[in-house]
N, C-alpha and C. Protein backbone atom coordinates (compact mmCIF):
# COMPACT_ATOMS: atom_id res chain seq x y z
N MET A 1 0.79 7.13 -12.66
CA MET A 1 0.95 7.34 -11.06
C MET A 1 0.94 8.83 -10.96
N SER A 2 0.42 9.38 -9.71
CA SER A 2 0.65 10.67 -9.53
C SER A 2 1.88 10.91 -8.63
N GLU A 3 2.26 12.14 -8.16
CA GLU A 3 3.35 12.38 -7.37
C GLU A 3 3.23 11.78 -6.00
N PRO A 4 4.17 11.47 -5.61
CA PRO A 4 4.24 10.82 -4.08
C PRO A 4 3.69 11.82 -3.21
N ARG A 5 2.94 11.28 -2.21
CA ARG A 5 2.37 11.99 -1.20
C ARG A 5 3.32 12.18 -0.14
N LEU A 6 4.34 11.27 0.08
CA LEU A 6 5.28 11.32 1.26
C LEU A 6 6.63 11.64 0.66
N GLN A 7 7.37 12.32 1.45
CA GLN A 7 8.79 12.69 1.09
C GLN A 7 9.64 12.12 2.27
N ARG A 8 10.69 11.26 1.95
CA ARG A 8 11.59 10.98 3.08
C ARG A 8 12.68 11.88 3.19
N VAL A 9 12.60 12.43 4.62
CA VAL A 9 13.53 13.37 4.91
C VAL A 9 14.70 12.83 5.90
N ALA A 10 14.67 11.80 6.27
CA ALA A 10 15.51 11.22 7.26
C ALA A 10 15.47 9.59 7.19
N ASP A 11 16.43 8.87 7.74
CA ASP A 11 16.42 7.47 7.93
C ASP A 11 16.43 6.85 6.64
N GLN A 12 17.24 7.28 5.78
CA GLN A 12 17.11 6.75 4.27
C GLN A 12 18.21 5.79 3.92
N ASP A 13 18.80 5.29 5.28
CA ASP A 13 20.05 4.39 4.94
C ASP A 13 19.54 2.82 5.05
N ARG A 14 18.20 2.69 5.21
CA ARG A 14 17.77 1.17 5.52
C ARG A 14 17.69 0.47 4.14
N ARG A 15 17.89 -0.76 4.16
CA ARG A 15 17.82 -1.55 2.95
C ARG A 15 16.76 -1.46 2.20
N LEU A 16 16.76 -1.42 0.64
CA LEU A 16 15.66 -1.42 -0.05
C LEU A 16 15.02 -2.75 -0.35
N ILE A 17 13.91 -2.88 -0.38
CA ILE A 17 13.25 -4.39 -0.67
C ILE A 17 12.33 -3.97 -1.78
N GLU A 18 11.90 -4.98 -2.44
CA GLU A 18 10.88 -4.94 -3.78
C GLU A 18 9.73 -5.42 -3.57
N ILE A 19 8.73 -4.67 -3.72
CA ILE A 19 7.28 -5.30 -3.68
C ILE A 19 6.61 -4.92 -4.87
N THR A 20 5.31 -5.55 -5.15
CA THR A 20 4.50 -5.27 -6.26
C THR A 20 3.10 -4.83 -5.89
N VAL A 21 2.70 -3.54 -6.26
CA VAL A 21 1.36 -3.06 -5.94
C VAL A 21 0.66 -2.95 -7.14
N ASP A 22 -0.52 -3.43 -7.45
CA ASP A 22 -1.47 -3.40 -8.45
C ASP A 22 -0.63 -3.56 -9.86
N GLY A 23 0.46 -4.55 -9.84
CA GLY A 23 1.00 -5.11 -11.00
C GLY A 23 2.30 -4.17 -11.32
N TRP A 24 2.49 -3.15 -10.49
CA TRP A 24 3.64 -2.13 -10.77
C TRP A 24 4.88 -2.67 -9.61
N ALA A 25 5.88 -2.67 -10.17
CA ALA A 25 7.00 -2.89 -9.14
C ALA A 25 7.39 -1.76 -8.37
N MET A 26 7.65 -1.79 -7.03
CA MET A 26 7.90 -0.68 -6.26
C MET A 26 9.00 -1.03 -5.27
N SER A 27 9.59 0.01 -4.94
CA SER A 27 10.59 -0.29 -3.83
C SER A 27 10.04 0.25 -2.38
N ALA A 28 10.48 -0.49 -1.37
CA ALA A 28 10.16 0.15 -0.01
C ALA A 28 11.48 0.00 0.73
N MET A 29 11.47 0.54 1.91
CA MET A 29 12.49 0.42 2.75
C MET A 29 12.23 -0.41 3.76
N GLU A 30 13.23 -1.35 4.17
CA GLU A 30 12.86 -2.15 5.26
C GLU A 30 12.39 -1.52 6.62
N GLY A 31 11.29 -1.97 6.83
CA GLY A 31 10.75 -1.42 8.21
C GLY A 31 9.53 -0.65 7.95
N ASP A 32 9.28 0.03 6.45
CA ASP A 32 8.24 0.51 6.11
C ASP A 32 6.87 -0.16 6.04
N THR A 33 5.85 0.48 6.61
CA THR A 33 4.46 -0.14 6.60
C THR A 33 4.13 -0.22 5.09
N LEU A 34 3.09 -0.83 4.57
CA LEU A 34 2.62 -0.75 3.35
C LEU A 34 2.26 0.53 2.98
N LEU A 35 1.59 1.21 3.84
CA LEU A 35 0.99 2.38 3.53
C LEU A 35 2.04 3.45 3.26
N VAL A 36 3.28 3.51 4.08
CA VAL A 36 4.31 4.54 3.84
C VAL A 36 4.93 4.00 2.55
N ALA A 37 5.04 2.96 2.30
CA ALA A 37 5.76 2.39 0.99
C ALA A 37 5.24 2.82 -0.21
N ILE A 38 3.84 2.55 -0.14
CA ILE A 38 3.06 3.13 -1.40
C ILE A 38 2.82 4.60 -1.55
N LEU A 39 2.66 5.35 -0.48
CA LEU A 39 2.47 6.69 -0.52
C LEU A 39 3.74 7.50 -0.69
N ALA A 40 4.97 6.78 -0.46
CA ALA A 40 6.20 7.23 -0.60
C ALA A 40 6.35 7.13 -2.31
N GLN A 41 5.75 6.40 -3.10
CA GLN A 41 5.95 6.06 -4.53
C GLN A 41 4.90 6.73 -5.28
N ARG A 42 3.59 6.89 -4.81
CA ARG A 42 2.57 7.53 -5.66
C ARG A 42 1.74 8.41 -4.69
N GLY A 43 0.80 9.14 -5.02
CA GLY A 43 0.11 10.22 -4.14
C GLY A 43 -1.47 9.53 -3.71
N TYR A 44 -1.58 8.19 -4.01
CA TYR A 44 -2.65 7.69 -3.26
C TYR A 44 -2.55 6.20 -2.85
N LEU A 45 -3.40 5.73 -1.99
CA LEU A 45 -3.21 4.32 -1.61
C LEU A 45 -4.08 3.51 -2.57
N CYS A 46 -5.22 3.84 -2.88
CA CYS A 46 -6.20 3.12 -3.81
C CYS A 46 -7.00 4.03 -4.53
N ASP A 47 -7.46 3.66 -5.73
CA ASP A 47 -8.17 4.62 -6.57
C ASP A 47 -9.40 3.62 -7.31
N ALA A 48 -10.14 3.15 -6.49
CA ALA A 48 -11.09 2.26 -7.07
C ALA A 48 -12.26 2.99 -7.83
N PRO A 49 -12.90 2.29 -8.93
CA PRO A 49 -13.88 3.17 -9.60
C PRO A 49 -15.11 3.31 -8.77
N GLY A 50 -15.52 4.45 -8.85
CA GLY A 50 -16.73 4.92 -7.97
C GLY A 50 -16.28 5.31 -6.61
N GLU A 51 -15.13 5.28 -6.22
CA GLU A 51 -14.81 5.53 -4.83
C GLU A 51 -13.94 6.73 -4.94
N PRO A 52 -13.71 7.50 -4.04
CA PRO A 52 -12.88 8.55 -3.87
C PRO A 52 -11.33 7.90 -3.49
N MET A 53 -10.53 8.68 -4.11
CA MET A 53 -9.07 8.24 -3.98
C MET A 53 -8.76 8.19 -2.50
N SER A 54 -8.05 7.44 -2.10
CA SER A 54 -7.72 7.21 -0.57
C SER A 54 -6.20 7.24 -0.42
N ALA A 55 -5.77 7.81 0.86
CA ALA A 55 -4.49 7.87 1.31
C ALA A 55 -4.22 7.37 2.72
N GLY A 56 -5.45 6.72 3.32
CA GLY A 56 -5.16 6.34 4.64
C GLY A 56 -5.78 7.69 5.41
N PHE A 57 -6.22 7.26 6.62
CA PHE A 57 -6.83 8.42 7.41
C PHE A 57 -6.11 8.58 8.82
N CYS A 58 -6.38 7.65 9.64
CA CYS A 58 -5.96 7.74 11.13
C CYS A 58 -4.37 7.19 11.07
N LEU A 59 -4.02 6.47 10.23
CA LEU A 59 -2.61 6.06 10.20
C LEU A 59 -2.25 5.19 11.32
N MET A 60 -3.20 4.54 12.24
CA MET A 60 -2.80 3.54 13.25
C MET A 60 -3.72 2.48 13.37
N GLY A 61 -4.37 2.23 12.39
CA GLY A 61 -5.22 0.83 12.36
C GLY A 61 -6.66 1.05 13.05
N ALA A 62 -7.22 2.20 13.10
CA ALA A 62 -8.50 2.37 13.68
C ALA A 62 -9.72 2.66 12.71
N CYS A 63 -9.40 3.24 11.60
CA CYS A 63 -10.44 3.78 10.79
C CYS A 63 -10.97 3.07 9.82
N GLN A 64 -10.41 2.00 9.17
CA GLN A 64 -10.83 0.93 8.25
C GLN A 64 -10.84 1.72 6.94
N ASP A 65 -9.75 2.68 6.69
CA ASP A 65 -9.65 3.43 5.61
C ASP A 65 -8.63 2.86 4.62
N CYS A 66 -7.80 1.89 4.96
CA CYS A 66 -6.52 1.56 4.35
C CYS A 66 -6.54 -0.04 4.13
N TRP A 67 -7.80 -0.56 3.98
CA TRP A 67 -7.74 -1.97 3.58
C TRP A 67 -7.19 -2.19 2.17
N ILE A 68 -6.12 -3.30 2.18
CA ILE A 68 -5.59 -3.69 0.76
C ILE A 68 -5.71 -5.32 0.90
N TRP A 69 -5.29 -5.83 -0.13
CA TRP A 69 -5.32 -7.27 -0.29
C TRP A 69 -4.01 -7.80 -0.86
N ASP A 70 -3.62 -9.01 -0.32
CA ASP A 70 -2.40 -9.87 -1.01
C ASP A 70 -3.21 -10.59 -1.96
N ASP A 71 -2.27 -11.26 -2.93
CA ASP A 71 -2.71 -12.07 -4.01
C ASP A 71 -3.44 -13.12 -3.75
N ASP A 72 -3.34 -13.59 -2.37
CA ASP A 72 -4.21 -14.91 -1.90
C ASP A 72 -5.67 -14.21 -1.54
N GLY A 73 -5.84 -12.93 -1.51
CA GLY A 73 -7.06 -12.19 -1.08
C GLY A 73 -7.27 -11.94 0.32
N ARG A 74 -6.24 -12.19 1.09
CA ARG A 74 -6.23 -11.68 2.36
C ARG A 74 -6.23 -10.25 2.54
N ARG A 75 -7.19 -9.86 3.40
CA ARG A 75 -7.30 -8.43 3.63
C ARG A 75 -6.25 -7.97 4.82
N LEU A 76 -5.51 -6.99 4.37
CA LEU A 76 -4.52 -6.29 5.30
C LEU A 76 -4.69 -4.69 5.39
N ARG A 77 -4.41 -4.19 6.47
CA ARG A 77 -4.30 -2.86 6.83
C ARG A 77 -2.98 -2.31 6.38
N ALA A 78 -3.07 -1.55 5.43
CA ALA A 78 -1.84 -0.97 4.88
C ALA A 78 -1.19 -0.20 6.06
N CYS A 79 -1.76 0.34 7.02
CA CYS A 79 -1.09 1.31 7.91
C CYS A 79 -0.34 0.28 9.00
N THR A 80 -0.62 -0.75 9.21
CA THR A 80 -0.01 -1.62 10.32
C THR A 80 0.65 -2.88 9.81
N THR A 81 0.57 -3.18 8.53
CA THR A 81 1.34 -4.25 7.79
C THR A 81 2.73 -3.81 7.36
N TYR A 82 3.83 -4.41 7.60
CA TYR A 82 4.98 -4.07 7.35
C TYR A 82 5.33 -4.80 5.99
N ALA A 83 6.05 -3.86 5.05
CA ALA A 83 6.44 -4.47 3.73
C ALA A 83 7.35 -5.40 3.91
N GLU A 84 7.22 -6.64 3.13
CA GLU A 84 8.27 -7.75 3.14
C GLU A 84 8.79 -8.07 1.69
N PRO A 85 9.87 -8.34 1.45
CA PRO A 85 10.36 -8.55 0.25
C PRO A 85 9.32 -9.61 -0.68
N GLY A 86 9.25 -9.14 -1.87
CA GLY A 86 8.34 -9.96 -2.78
C GLY A 86 6.74 -10.05 -2.53
N MET A 87 6.35 -9.29 -1.58
CA MET A 87 4.92 -9.07 -1.49
C MET A 87 4.28 -8.63 -2.50
N ARG A 88 3.22 -9.16 -2.85
CA ARG A 88 2.16 -8.73 -4.07
C ARG A 88 0.85 -8.44 -3.53
N ILE A 89 0.76 -7.03 -3.96
CA ILE A 89 -0.38 -6.38 -3.06
C ILE A 89 -1.42 -5.91 -4.10
N ARG A 90 -2.62 -5.79 -3.88
CA ARG A 90 -3.65 -5.21 -4.60
C ARG A 90 -4.34 -4.17 -3.77
N THR A 91 -4.69 -3.07 -4.35
CA THR A 91 -5.29 -1.96 -3.66
C THR A 91 -6.86 -1.83 -3.97
N THR A 92 -7.39 -2.74 -4.82
CA THR A 92 -8.72 -2.79 -4.97
C THR A 92 -9.04 -4.11 -4.84
N TRP A 93 -10.45 -4.50 -4.76
CA TRP A 93 -11.07 -5.80 -4.40
C TRP A 93 -10.61 -6.85 -5.35
N PRO A 94 -10.02 -8.08 -4.92
CA PRO A 94 -9.83 -9.05 -5.86
C PRO A 94 -10.95 -9.44 -6.69
N ASP A 95 -10.70 -9.77 -7.79
CA ASP A 95 -11.91 -10.23 -8.72
C ASP A 95 -12.66 -11.32 -8.03
N ARG A 96 -12.12 -12.42 -7.44
CA ARG A 96 -12.84 -13.46 -6.99
C ARG A 96 -13.61 -13.02 -5.71
N LEU A 97 -13.49 -11.99 -4.99
CA LEU A 97 -14.32 -11.57 -3.93
C LEU A 97 -15.44 -10.69 -4.59
N LEU A 98 -15.15 -9.96 -5.70
CA LEU A 98 -16.26 -9.27 -6.17
C LEU A 98 -17.50 -10.30 -7.05
N ALA A 99 -17.09 -11.51 -7.31
CA ALA A 99 -17.74 -12.39 -7.95
C ALA A 99 -18.71 -13.22 -6.84
N SER A 100 -18.29 -13.20 -5.84
CA SER A 100 -19.12 -13.97 -4.62
C SER A 100 -20.05 -13.29 -4.12
């Protein structure tokens, strides 16, 4: 993993929750969006083969740059979806979607 892209400077007293991203356990603060949670842990949102590393673009749900998936294959916008305890997230296309 690369260095975090976001650094928390305030509001650090919220409860920590655990999520899993691409098989890695990560912590998020209650009320974080998935984009904030992931970028606070590593320097990119997704690193798909053949694609440029992504860190989100508009940060408000308009640009289509931060799509990720849950383990059920549901597509989520990382910038507008809040982290919930126990979430399992993939930042690249789920295998079954690639096969179809």
